[in-house]
C-alpha atoms as a PDB file:
ATOM      1  CA  MET A   1     137.203 234.064  26.370  1.00  0.00           C
ATOM      2  CA  PRO A   2     138.249 230.695  27.898  1.00  0.00           C
ATOM      3  CA  PRO A   3     135.768 227.831  27.545  1.00  0.00           C
ATOM      4  CA  HIS A   4     133.309 227.283  30.403  1.00  0.00           C
ATOM      5  CA  TYR A   5     133.761 223.739  31.692  1.00  0.00           C
ATOM      6  CA  LEU A   6     131.084 221.892  33.624  1.00  0.00           C
ATOM      7  CA  GLU A   7     131.885 219.718  36.629  1.00  0.00           C
ATOM      8  CA  PHE A   8     131.729 216.408  34.781  1.00  0.00           C
ATOM      9  CA  GLU A   9     134.007 217.893  32.101  1.00  0.00           C
ATOM     10  CA  ARG A  10     136.900 218.348  34.562  1.00  0.00           C
ATOM     11  CA  PRO A  11     139.085 215.546  33.077  1.00  0.00           C
ATOM     12  CA  ILE A  12     138.576 217.124  29.622  1.00  0.00           C
ATOM     13  CA  ALA A  13     139.547 220.514  31.027  1.00  0.00           C
ATOM     14  CA  ASP A  14     142.716 219.151  32.571  1.00  0.00           C
ATOM     15  CA  LEU A  15     143.671 217.462  29.254  1.00  0.00           C
ATOM     16  CA  GLU A  16     143.007 220.612  27.196  1.00  0.00           C
ATOM     17  CA  ALA A  17     144.998 222.682  29.638  1.00  0.00           C
ATOM     18  CA  LYS A  18     147.921 220.283  29.125  1.00  0.00           C
ATOM     19  CA  ILE A  19     147.500 220.619  25.328  1.00  0.00           C
ATOM     20  CA  GLU A  20     147.622 224.409  25.600  1.00  0.00           C
ATOM     21  CA  GLU A  21     150.740 224.198  27.810  1.00  0.00           C
ATOM     22  CA  LEU A  22     152.507 221.901  25.279  1.00  0.00           C
ATOM     23  CA  GLN A  23     151.607 224.226  22.428  1.00  0.00           C
ATOM     24  CA  LYS A  24     153.286 227.139  24.167  1.00  0.00           C
ATOM     25  CA  VAL A  25     156.384 225.111  24.851  1.00  0.00           C
ATOM     26  CA  SER A  26     156.466 223.912  21.296  1.00  0.00           C
ATOM     27  CA  GLU A  27     156.114 227.463  19.884  1.00  0.00           C
ATOM     28  CA  SER A  28     158.814 228.923  22.098  1.00  0.00           C
ATOM     29  CA  ALA A  29     161.360 226.097  22.171  1.00  0.00           C
ATOM     30  CA  ASN A  30     161.195 223.886  19.127  1.00  0.00           C
ATOM     31  CA  PRO A  31     158.321 224.508  16.736  1.00  0.00           C
ATOM     32  CA  GLY A  32     156.755 221.278  15.449  1.00  0.00           C
ATOM     33  CA  ALA A  33     158.684 219.008  17.825  1.00  0.00           C
ATOM     34  CA  LEU A  34     155.616 218.160  19.954  1.00  0.00           C
ATOM     35  CA  ASP A  35     152.974 218.098  17.183  1.00  0.00           C
ATOM     36  CA  ALA A  36     152.490 214.340  17.269  1.00  0.00           C
ATOM     37  CA  GLU A  37     151.999 214.338  21.033  1.00  0.00           C
ATOM     38  CA  ILE A  38     149.612 217.329  20.830  1.00  0.00           C
ATOM     39  CA  GLU A  39     147.480 215.651  18.137  1.00  0.00           C
ATOM     40  CA  ALA A  40     147.321 212.487  20.223  1.00  0.00           C
ATOM     41  CA  LEU A  41     146.124 214.433  23.251  1.00  0.00           C
ATOM     42  CA  ARG A  42     143.548 216.249  21.086  1.00  0.00           C
ATOM     43  CA  ALA A  43     142.186 212.937  19.850  1.00  0.00           C
ATOM     44  CA  ARG A  44     142.058 211.711  23.464  1.00  0.00           C
ATOM     45  CA  ALA A  45     140.143 214.868  24.526  1.00  0.00           C
ATOM     46  CA  THR A  46     137.640 214.415  21.681  1.00  0.00           C
ATOM     47  CA  GLU A  47     137.087 210.772  22.681  1.00  0.00           C
ATOM     48  CA  LEU A  48     136.635 211.727  26.342  1.00  0.00           C
ATOM     49  CA  ARG A  49     134.077 214.317  25.380  1.00  0.00           C
ATOM     50  CA  LYS A  50     132.143 211.857  23.220  1.00  0.00           C
ATOM     51  CA  GLN A  51     132.125 209.289  26.062  1.00  0.00           C
ATOM     52  CA  ALA A  52     131.031 211.838  28.633  1.00  0.00           C
ATOM     53  CA  TYR A  53     128.147 213.205  26.552  1.00  0.00           C
ATOM     54  CA  ALA A  54     126.923 209.735  25.566  1.00  0.00           C
ATOM     55  CA  LYS A  55     125.954 208.826  29.124  1.00  0.00           C
ATOM     56  CA  LEU A  56     124.766 212.072  30.775  1.00  0.00           C
ATOM     57  CA  ASP A  57     122.228 211.747  33.570  1.00  0.00           C
ATOM     58  CA  ALA A  58     119.334 214.115  34.129  1.00  0.00           C
ATOM     59  CA  TRP A  59     121.287 216.452  36.401  1.00  0.00           C
ATOM     60  CA  GLN A  60     124.234 216.628  33.980  1.00  0.00           C
ATOM     61  CA  LYS A  61     121.805 217.378  31.112  1.00  0.00           C
ATOM     62  CA  THR A  62     120.357 220.151  33.295  1.00  0.00           C
ATOM     63  CA  GLN A  63     123.827 221.666  33.531  1.00  0.00           C
ATOM     64  CA  VAL A  64     124.359 221.370  29.806  1.00  0.00           C
ATOM     65  CA  ALA A  65     120.943 222.902  29.052  1.00  0.00           C
ATOM     66  CA  ARG A  66     121.865 225.883  31.174  1.00  0.00           C
ATOM     67  CA  HIS A  67     125.355 226.271  29.656  1.00  0.00           C
ATOM     68  CA  PRO A  68     125.924 229.982  28.977  1.00  0.00           C
ATOM     69  CA  ASP A  69     127.556 229.291  25.609  1.00  0.00           C
ATOM     70  CA  ARG A  70     124.614 227.456  24.057  1.00  0.00           C
ATOM     71  CA  PRO A  71     123.076 229.313  21.103  1.00  0.00           C
ATOM     72  CA  HIS A  72     120.656 232.020  22.203  1.00  0.00           C
ATOM     73  CA  PHE A  73     117.444 233.291  20.579  1.00  0.00           C
ATOM     74  CA  THR A  74     119.362 236.126  18.920  1.00  0.00           C
ATOM     75  CA  ASP A  75     121.823 233.634  17.463  1.00  0.00           C
ATOM     76  CA  TYR A  76     119.056 231.529  15.913  1.00  0.00           C
ATOM     77  CA  VAL A  77     117.362 234.644  14.516  1.00  0.00           C
ATOM     78  CA  GLY A  78     120.683 235.994  13.178  1.00  0.00           C
ATOM     79  CA  GLU A  79     121.481 232.777  11.305  1.00  0.00           C
ATOM     80  CA  LEU A  80     118.075 231.444  10.310  1.00  0.00           C
ATOM     81  CA  ILE A  81     115.796 234.458   9.827  1.00  0.00           C
ATOM     82  CA  GLU A  82     116.381 236.891   6.981  1.00  0.00           C
ATOM     83  CA  ASP A  83     115.000 240.460   6.963  1.00  0.00           C
ATOM     84  CA  PHE A  84     114.112 240.164  10.641  1.00  0.00           C
ATOM     85  CA  VAL A  85     112.073 243.132  11.944  1.00  0.00           C
ATOM     86  CA  GLU A  86     111.645 243.085  15.744  1.00  0.00           C
ATOM     87  CA  LEU A  87     108.124 244.068  17.019  1.00  0.00           C
ATOM     88  CA  ARG A  88     108.078 245.572  20.480  1.00  0.00           C
ATOM     89  CA  GLY A  89     105.559 246.170  23.223  1.00  0.00           C
ATOM     90  CA  ASP A  90     102.307 244.677  24.413  1.00  0.00           C
ATOM     91  CA  ARG A  91     100.270 247.813  23.667  1.00  0.00           C
ATOM     92  CA  THR A  92      99.265 247.985  27.287  1.00  0.00           C
ATOM     93  CA  PHE A  93     102.242 248.460  29.648  1.00  0.00           C
ATOM     94  CA  ALA A  94     105.774 248.092  28.276  1.00  0.00           C
ATOM     95  CA  ASP A  95     108.185 246.175  26.071  1.00  0.00           C
ATOM     96  CA  ASP A  96     109.690 243.072  27.708  1.00  0.00           C
ATOM     97  CA  GLN A  97     113.092 242.188  26.260  1.00  0.00           C
ATOM     98  CA  ALA A  98     113.083 238.816  28.059  1.00  0.00           C
ATOM     99  CA  LEU A  99     110.624 237.622  25.388  1.00  0.00           C
ATOM    100  CA  MET A 100     111.412 238.917  21.904  1.00  0.00           C
ATOM    101  CA  GLY A 101     109.718 238.502  18.582  1.00  0.00           C
ATOM    102  CA  GLY A 102     109.134 239.763  15.116  1.00  0.00           C
ATOM    103  CA  LEU A 103     108.655 239.193  11.424  1.00  0.00           C
ATOM    104  CA  GLY A 104     111.137 237.718   8.996  1.00  0.00           C
ATOM    105  CA  ARG A 105     111.826 235.063   6.358  1.00  0.00           C
ATOM    106  CA  PHE A 106     112.852 231.543   7.197  1.00  0.00           C
ATOM    107  CA  ARG A 107     114.478 229.935   4.170  1.00  0.00           C
ATOM    108  CA  GLY A 108     112.303 232.040   1.886  1.00  0.00           C
ATOM    109  CA  ARG A 109     109.076 231.574   3.870  1.00  0.00           C
ATOM    110  CA  PRO A 110     107.545 234.559   5.734  1.00  0.00           C
ATOM    111  CA  VAL A 111     107.158 233.692   9.420  1.00  0.00           C
ATOM    112  CA  MET A 112     106.540 235.163  12.872  1.00  0.00           C
ATOM    113  CA  VAL A 113     109.299 234.356  15.385  1.00  0.00           C
ATOM    114  CA  ILE A 114     109.133 234.572  19.150  1.00  0.00           C
ATOM    115  CA  GLY A 115     111.480 233.396  21.880  1.00  0.00           C
ATOM    116  CA  GLN A 116     113.190 234.025  25.178  1.00  0.00           C
ATOM    117  CA  GLU A 117     116.604 235.661  25.286  1.00  0.00           C
ATOM    118  CA  LYS A 118     118.766 235.250  28.427  1.00  0.00           C
ATOM    119  CA  GLY A 119     121.688 237.506  27.491  1.00  0.00           C
ATOM    120  CA  ARG A 120     125.424 236.688  27.513  1.00  0.00           C
ATOM    121  CA  ASP A 121     127.104 239.149  29.852  1.00  0.00           C
ATOM    122  CA  THR A 122     126.090 241.210  32.818  1.00  0.00           C
ATOM    123  CA  VAL A 123     124.696 244.111  30.827  1.00  0.00           C
ATOM    124  CA  SER A 124     122.692 241.977  28.396  1.00  0.00           C
ATOM    125  CA  ARG A 125     121.449 239.595  31.111  1.00  0.00           C
ATOM    126  CA  VAL A 126     120.031 242.556  33.056  1.00  0.00           C
ATOM    127  CA  LYS A 127     118.488 243.958  29.859  1.00  0.00           C
ATOM    128  CA  HIS A 128     116.858 240.615  29.059  1.00  0.00           C
ATOM    129  CA  ASN A 129     116.120 239.808  32.748  1.00  0.00           C
ATOM    130  CA  PHE A 130     117.912 236.435  32.342  1.00  0.00           C
ATOM    131  CA  GLY A 131     115.128 235.236  29.957  1.00  0.00           C
ATOM    132  CA  MET A 132     112.396 235.532  32.659  1.00  0.00           C
ATOM    133  CA  ALA A 133     109.467 237.287  31.082  1.00  0.00           C
ATOM    134  CA  ARG A 134     107.012 239.505  32.929  1.00  0.00           C
ATOM    135  CA  PRO A 135     103.290 239.685  31.982  1.00  0.00           C
ATOM    136  CA  GLU A 136     103.934 242.196  29.238  1.00  0.00           C
ATOM    137  CA  GLY A 137     106.247 239.682  27.557  1.00  0.00           C
ATOM    138  CA  TYR A 138     103.504 237.115  27.222  1.00  0.00           C
ATOM    139  CA  ARG A 139     100.925 239.760  26.163  1.00  0.00           C
ATOM    140  CA  LYS A 140     103.405 240.742  23.466  1.00  0.00           C
ATOM    141  CA  ALA A 141     103.623 237.071  22.408  1.00  0.00           C
ATOM    142  CA  ILE A 142      99.786 236.982  22.162  1.00  0.00           C
ATOM    143  CA  ARG A 143      99.808 240.124  20.044  1.00  0.00           C
ATOM    144  CA  LEU A 144     102.336 238.627  17.665  1.00  0.00           C
ATOM    145  CA  MET A 145     100.447 235.364  17.389  1.00  0.00           C
ATOM    146  CA  ASP A 146      97.260 237.352  16.632  1.00  0.00           C
ATOM    147  CA  MET A 147      99.168 239.144  13.847  1.00  0.00           C
ATOM    148  CA  ALA A 148     100.487 235.841  12.516  1.00  0.00           C
ATOM    149  CA  GLU A 149      97.018 234.378  12.319  1.00  0.00           C
ATOM    150  CA  ARG A 150      95.680 237.525  10.658  1.00  0.00           C
ATOM    151  CA  PHE A 151      98.284 237.214   7.857  1.00  0.00           C
ATOM    152  CA  ASN A 152      98.334 233.433   7.778  1.00  0.00           C
ATOM    153  CA  LEU A 153     101.975 233.145   8.879  1.00  0.00           C
ATOM    154  CA  PRO A 154     103.475 230.165  10.613  1.00  0.00           C
ATOM    155  CA  VAL A 155     104.969 230.824  14.037  1.00  0.00           C
ATOM    156  CA  ILE A 156     108.394 229.570  15.201  1.00  0.00           C
ATOM    157  CA  SER A 157     109.142 229.798  18.902  1.00  0.00           C
ATOM    158  CA  PHE A 158     112.502 229.268  20.648  1.00  0.00           C
ATOM    159  CA  VAL A 159     112.121 228.330  24.283  1.00  0.00           C
ATOM    160  CA  ASP A 160     114.910 228.887  26.775  1.00  0.00           C
ATOM    161  CA  THR A 161     113.866 230.130  30.223  1.00  0.00           C
ATOM    162  CA  GLY A 162     114.111 229.262  33.886  1.00  0.00           C
ATOM    163  CA  GLY A 163     110.499 230.426  34.209  1.00  0.00           C
ATOM    164  CA  ALA A 164     108.493 233.598  34.218  1.00  0.00           C
ATOM    165  CA  TYR A 165     109.629 236.390  36.486  1.00  0.00           C
ATOM    166  CA  PRO A 166     108.088 235.924  39.959  1.00  0.00           C
ATOM    167  CA  GLY A 167     108.637 239.486  41.272  1.00  0.00           C
ATOM    168  CA  VAL A 168     105.997 241.594  42.996  1.00  0.00           C
ATOM    169  CA  GLY A 169     105.374 243.825  40.006  1.00  0.00           C
ATOM    170  CA  SER A 170     105.015 240.834  37.762  1.00  0.00           C
ATOM    171  CA  GLU A 171     102.432 239.311  40.112  1.00  0.00           C
ATOM    172  CA  GLU A 172     100.592 242.649  40.443  1.00  0.00           C
ATOM    173  CA  ARG A 173     100.247 242.902  36.686  1.00  0.00           C
ATOM    174  CA  GLY A 174      98.807 239.394  36.384  1.00  0.00           C
ATOM    175  CA  VAL A 175     101.605 237.111  35.197  1.00  0.00           C
ATOM    176  CA  ALA A 176      99.579 233.935  35.841  1.00  0.00           C
ATOM    177  CA  GLU A 177      96.693 235.200  33.712  1.00  0.00           C
ATOM    178  CA  ALA A 178      99.106 236.340  31.018  1.00  0.00           C
ATOM    179  CA  ILE A 179     100.757 232.922  30.882  1.00  0.00           C
ATOM    180  CA  ALA A 180      97.373 231.164  30.723  1.00  0.00           C
ATOM    181  CA  ARG A 181      96.162 233.363  27.875  1.00  0.00           C
ATOM    182  CA  SER A 182      99.394 232.952  25.949  1.00  0.00           C
ATOM    183  CA  THR A 183      99.142 229.151  26.308  1.00  0.00           C
ATOM    184  CA  GLU A 184      95.507 229.324  25.205  1.00  0.00           C
ATOM    185  CA  ARG A 185      96.474 231.428  22.173  1.00  0.00           C
ATOM    186  CA  CYS A 186      99.098 228.865  21.138  1.00  0.00           C
ATOM    187  CA  LEU A 187      96.420 226.144  21.282  1.00  0.00           C
ATOM    188  CA  SER A 188      93.850 228.195  19.353  1.00  0.00           C
ATOM    189  CA  LEU A 189      96.207 229.439  16.676  1.00  0.00           C
ATOM    190  CA  LYS A 190      94.961 228.679  13.185  1.00  0.00           C
ATOM    191  CA  THR A 191      98.426 228.638  11.673  1.00  0.00           C
ATOM    192  CA  PRO A 192     101.209 226.148  12.402  1.00  0.00           C
ATOM    193  CA  LEU A 193     103.307 226.754  15.525  1.00  0.00           C
ATOM    194  CA  VAL A 194     106.675 224.946  15.688  1.00  0.00           C
ATOM    195  CA  ALA A 195     108.263 225.244  19.113  1.00  0.00           C
ATOM    196  CA  VAL A 196     111.908 224.323  19.801  1.00  0.00           C
ATOM    197  CA  ILE A 197     113.213 223.767  23.317  1.00  0.00           C
ATOM    198  CA  THR A 198     116.775 225.058  22.838  1.00  0.00           C
ATOM    199  CA  GLY A 199     118.015 224.959  26.436  1.00  0.00           C
ATOM    200  CA  GLU A 200     115.977 225.153  29.580  1.00  0.00           C
ATOM    201  CA  GLY A 201     112.127 225.001  29.297  1.00  0.00           C
ATOM    202  CA  ALA A 202     110.895 225.579  32.771  1.00  0.00           C
ATOM    203  CA  SER A 203     107.409 226.083  34.171  1.00  0.00           C
ATOM    204  CA  GLY A 204     104.472 227.980  32.623  1.00  0.00           C
ATOM    205  CA  GLY A 205     106.989 230.525  31.411  1.00  0.00           C
ATOM    206  CA  ALA A 206     108.059 227.948  28.835  1.00  0.00           C
ATOM    207  CA  ILE A 207     104.739 226.361  27.899  1.00  0.00           C
ATOM    208  CA  ALA A 208     103.224 229.775  27.326  1.00  0.00           C
ATOM    209  CA  ILE A 209     105.037 229.831  23.908  1.00  0.00           C
ATOM    210  CA  ALA A 210     105.562 226.099  23.499  1.00  0.00           C
ATOM    211  CA  ALA A 211     102.079 224.672  23.131  1.00  0.00           C
ATOM    212  CA  GLY A 212     102.671 224.042  19.427  1.00  0.00           C
ATOM    213  CA  SER A 213     101.624 221.977  16.525  1.00  0.00           C
ATOM    214  CA  SER A 214     105.089 220.379  16.765  1.00  0.00           C
ATOM    215  CA  VAL A 215     107.390 220.533  19.820  1.00  0.00           C
ATOM    216  CA  LEU A 216     111.084 219.828  19.061  1.00  0.00           C
ATOM    217  CA  ILE A 217     113.840 219.588  21.611  1.00  0.00           C
ATOM    218  CA  LEU A 218     117.606 219.620  21.397  1.00  0.00           C
ATOM    219  CA  GLU A 219     119.272 216.445  22.611  1.00  0.00           C
ATOM    220  CA  HIS A 220     120.579 217.819  25.886  1.00  0.00           C
ATOM    221  CA  SER A 221     117.749 220.296  26.590  1.00  0.00           C
ATOM    222  CA  ILE A 222     115.249 219.922  29.429  1.00  0.00           C
ATOM    223  CA  TYR A 223     111.509 220.678  29.683  1.00  0.00           C
ATOM    224  CA  MET A 224     109.619 220.642  32.944  1.00  0.00           C
ATOM    225  CA  VAL A 225     106.775 221.996  35.054  1.00  0.00           C
ATOM    226  CA  ILE A 226     109.232 223.323  37.633  1.00  0.00           C
ATOM    227  CA  SER A 227     113.012 223.550  38.072  1.00  0.00           C
ATOM    228  CA  PRO A 228     114.713 220.711  39.980  1.00  0.00           C
ATOM    229  CA  GLU A 229     115.680 223.229  42.652  1.00  0.00           C
ATOM    230  CA  GLY A 230     112.066 224.349  42.960  1.00  0.00           C
ATOM    231  CA  ALA A 231     110.795 220.808  43.086  1.00  0.00           C
ATOM    232  CA  ASN A 232     113.207 219.967  45.915  1.00  0.00           C
ATOM    233  CA  ALA A 233     112.189 223.094  47.854  1.00  0.00           C
ATOM    234  CA  ILE A 234     108.438 222.690  47.419  1.00  0.00           C
ATOM    235  CA  LEU A 235     107.823 218.934  47.243  1.00  0.00           C
ATOM    236  CA  TRP A 236     110.607 217.718  49.565  1.00  0.00           C
ATOM    237  CA  ARG A 237     111.027 220.933  51.634  1.00  0.00           C
ATOM    238  CA  GLY A 238     114.728 220.966  50.828  1.00  0.00           C
ATOM    239  CA  ALA A 239     115.270 217.499  52.437  1.00  0.00           C
ATOM    240  CA  ARG A 240     116.904 216.085  49.283  1.00  0.00           C
ATOM    241  CA  THR A 241     118.819 217.605  46.371  1.00  0.00           C
ATOM    242  CA  ALA A 242     118.065 219.264  43.035  1.00  0.00           C
ATOM    243  CA  GLU A 243     120.105 216.407  41.482  1.00  0.00           C
ATOM    244  CA  GLU A 244     117.667 213.826  42.886  1.00  0.00           C
ATOM    245  CA  ALA A 245     114.706 215.895  41.734  1.00  0.00           C
ATOM    246  CA  ALA A 246     116.035 216.154  38.204  1.00  0.00           C
ATOM    247  CA  LYS A 247     116.375 212.378  37.974  1.00  0.00           C
ATOM    248  CA  ALA A 248     112.836 211.763  39.388  1.00  0.00           C
ATOM    249  CA  MET A 249     111.038 214.320  37.194  1.00  0.00           C
ATOM    250  CA  LYS A 250     111.655 212.813  33.725  1.00  0.00           C
ATOM    251  CA  ILE A 251     112.786 216.140  32.289  1.00  0.00           C
ATOM    252  CA  THR A 252     115.266 214.908  29.632  1.00  0.00           C
ATOM    253  CA  ALA A 253     114.524 214.907  25.914  1.00  0.00           C
ATOM    254  CA  GLN A 254     114.610 211.092  25.844  1.00  0.00           C
ATOM    255  CA  ASP A 255     112.073 210.745  28.657  1.00  0.00           C
ATOM    256  CA  LEU A 256     109.820 213.436  27.165  1.00  0.00           C
ATOM    257  CA  LEU A 257     109.815 211.688  23.755  1.00  0.00           C
ATOM    258  CA  LYS A 258     108.608 208.488  25.403  1.00  0.00           C
ATOM    259  CA  LEU A 259     105.824 210.430  27.169  1.00  0.00           C
ATOM    260  CA  LYS A 260     104.857 212.152  23.878  1.00  0.00           C
ATOM    261  CA  VAL A 261     105.419 215.548  25.415  1.00  0.00           C
ATOM    262  CA  VAL A 262     107.817 216.324  22.533  1.00  0.00           C
ATOM    263  CA  ASP A 263     107.694 215.132  18.928  1.00  0.00           C
ATOM    264  CA  LYS A 264     111.325 214.970  17.886  1.00  0.00           C
ATOM    265  CA  ILE A 265     114.812 215.141  19.366  1.00  0.00           C
ATOM    266  CA  ILE A 266     117.329 217.223  17.427  1.00  0.00           C
ATOM    267  CA  PRO A 267     120.874 215.693  17.857  1.00  0.00           C
ATOM    268  CA  GLU A 268     123.578 217.924  19.222  1.00  0.00           C
ATOM    269  CA  PRO A 269     127.288 217.886  18.223  1.00  0.00           C
ATOM    270  CA  PRO A 270     129.570 215.748  20.419  1.00  0.00           C
ATOM    271  CA  GLY A 271     130.241 217.961  23.422  1.00  0.00           C
ATOM    272  CA  GLY A 272     126.847 219.698  23.304  1.00  0.00           C
ATOM    273  CA  ALA A 273     125.346 222.576  21.396  1.00  0.00           C
ATOM    274  CA  HIS A 274     127.806 224.985  22.940  1.00  0.00           C
ATOM    275  CA  SER A 275     130.796 223.114  21.416  1.00  0.00           C
ATOM    276  CA  ASP A 276     129.615 223.841  17.856  1.00  0.00           C
ATOM    277  CA  PRO A 277     126.845 226.495  17.800  1.00  0.00           C
ATOM    278  CA  ALA A 278     126.890 226.823  13.957  1.00  0.00           C
ATOM    279  CA  ALA A 279     126.194 223.118  13.401  1.00  0.00           C
ATOM    280  CA  THR A 280     123.503 223.164  16.109  1.00  0.00           C
ATOM    281  CA  ILE A 281     121.730 226.106  14.472  1.00  0.00           C
ATOM    282  CA  ARG A 282     121.824 224.414  11.064  1.00  0.00           C
ATOM    283  CA  ALA A 283     120.374 221.217  12.546  1.00  0.00           C
ATOM    284  CA  VAL A 284     117.582 223.192  14.243  1.00  0.00           C
ATOM    285  CA  GLY A 285     116.823 225.016  11.008  1.00  0.00           C
ATOM    286  CA  ASP A 286     116.577 221.751   9.093  1.00  0.00           C
ATOM    287  CA  ALA A 287     114.259 220.272  11.745  1.00  0.00           C
ATOM    288  CA  ILE A 288     111.984 223.341  11.711  1.00  0.00           C
ATOM    289  CA  GLU A 289     111.840 223.274   7.883  1.00  0.00           C
ATOM    290  CA  ALA A 290     110.806 219.592   7.915  1.00  0.00           C
ATOM    291  CA  GLU A 291     108.048 220.238  10.444  1.00  0.00           C
ATOM    292  CA  LEU A 292     106.671 223.305   8.608  1.00  0.00           C
ATOM    293  CA  MET A 293     106.421 221.299   5.373  1.00  0.00           C
ATOM    294  CA  LYS A 294     104.038 218.862   7.125  1.00  0.00           C
ATOM    295  CA  PHE A 295     101.509 221.671   7.628  1.00  0.00           C
ATOM    296  CA  GLU A 296     101.955 223.395   4.267  1.00  0.00           C
ATOM    297  CA  HIS A 297      98.745 222.355   2.629  1.00  0.00           C
ATOM    298  CA  LEU A 298      96.509 221.894   5.673  1.00  0.00           C
ATOM    299  CA  SER A 299      93.474 224.000   6.423  1.00  0.00           C
ATOM    300  CA  ALA A 300      93.025 225.899   9.660  1.00  0.00           C
ATOM    301  CA  ASP A 301      90.565 223.325  10.909  1.00  0.00           C
ATOM    302  CA  GLU A 302      93.030 220.504  10.169  1.00  0.00           C
ATOM    303  CA  ILE A 303      95.821 222.340  11.932  1.00  0.00           C
ATOM    304  CA  LEU A 304      93.641 222.840  15.010  1.00  0.00           C
ATOM    305  CA  LYS A 305      92.538 219.177  14.993  1.00  0.00           C
ATOM    306  CA  LEU A 306      96.063 217.844  14.733  1.00  0.00           C
ATOM    307  CA  ARG A 307      97.297 220.112  17.566  1.00  0.00           C
ATOM    308  CA  ALA A 308      94.455 218.956  19.809  1.00  0.00           C
ATOM    309  CA  GLU A 309      95.225 215.316  19.020  1.00  0.00           C
ATOM    310  CA  ARG A 310      98.937 215.687  19.905  1.00  0.00           C
ATOM    311  CA  PHE A 311      98.081 217.135  23.316  1.00  0.00           C
ATOM    312  CA  TYR A 312      95.382 214.563  24.048  1.00  0.00           C
ATOM    313  CA  ALA A 313      97.977 211.847  23.354  1.00  0.00           C
ATOM    314  CA  ILE A 314     100.480 213.031  25.961  1.00  0.00           C
ATOM    315  CA  GLY A 315     101.268 210.312  28.491  1.00  0.00           C
ATOM    316  CA  ARG A 316      98.903 207.761  26.966  1.00  0.00           C
ATOM    317  CA  PRO A 317     100.131 204.294  25.939  1.00  0.00           C
ATOM    318  CA  GLY A 318     100.290 203.185  22.321  1.00  0.00           C
END
């Protein structure tokens, strides 16, 4: 599958197309004759990518956070969680595959894992509803957090959603109440909850599984109360643009760290997480391990106290 280039990556795309063309010429005409030129162009493309990703604005980061080739929940589980056993259903209505979860071992430690899965192609995106969970998804998350507390297991959540599903059936079954109760369960959990914003963390659909003891975010991910498109439509009645909204909303990892909404930024490879998924997943695993170790010998009361303090500190100076 050819790489998916974003708009600001157009110069890189043109350069890499030229490299591919030269490779074909070299292979068919005179093997090895153009190797030096090809290597020089590759070095130039790498440098262009580093320069582009070093100065991304909020709208460009939004595009990167939504990139379809960024690692997904199933990728993180596949690489980081051993002996994973998926647990399905909310014991009330149905199983929601937009929000998945289950038991497994993270680097030898038994854990509960939950997260949104967007899907990669048409079939899987429909199956996972593009990562937009319905009420039963959040009620499943509550059920899994209840189980984690019962067996004293830390919870790891991977957040990547454009928001909860706003359809009629979702509203009829109480999606707002389900989100509120899932958020409440995160805050009342007596075991550590480490949340990682891996791509797009939008609206209550994200915070419902992200109100953790530690909230980590990948360097080019975003986290917000509403999407830039939604903010433009609701606040400005469509008079401006999503790009302007993204820049005004302080949704980037760097802005969120200053506001104490997140605790740590996980660096991404040059070119974003999608350019080297394996390295990204390793970095995320290392960051999660470091955070879990902080809570290893704390009591339930201490865990609750620290979580309350981190949320009280959001947006306050000092």
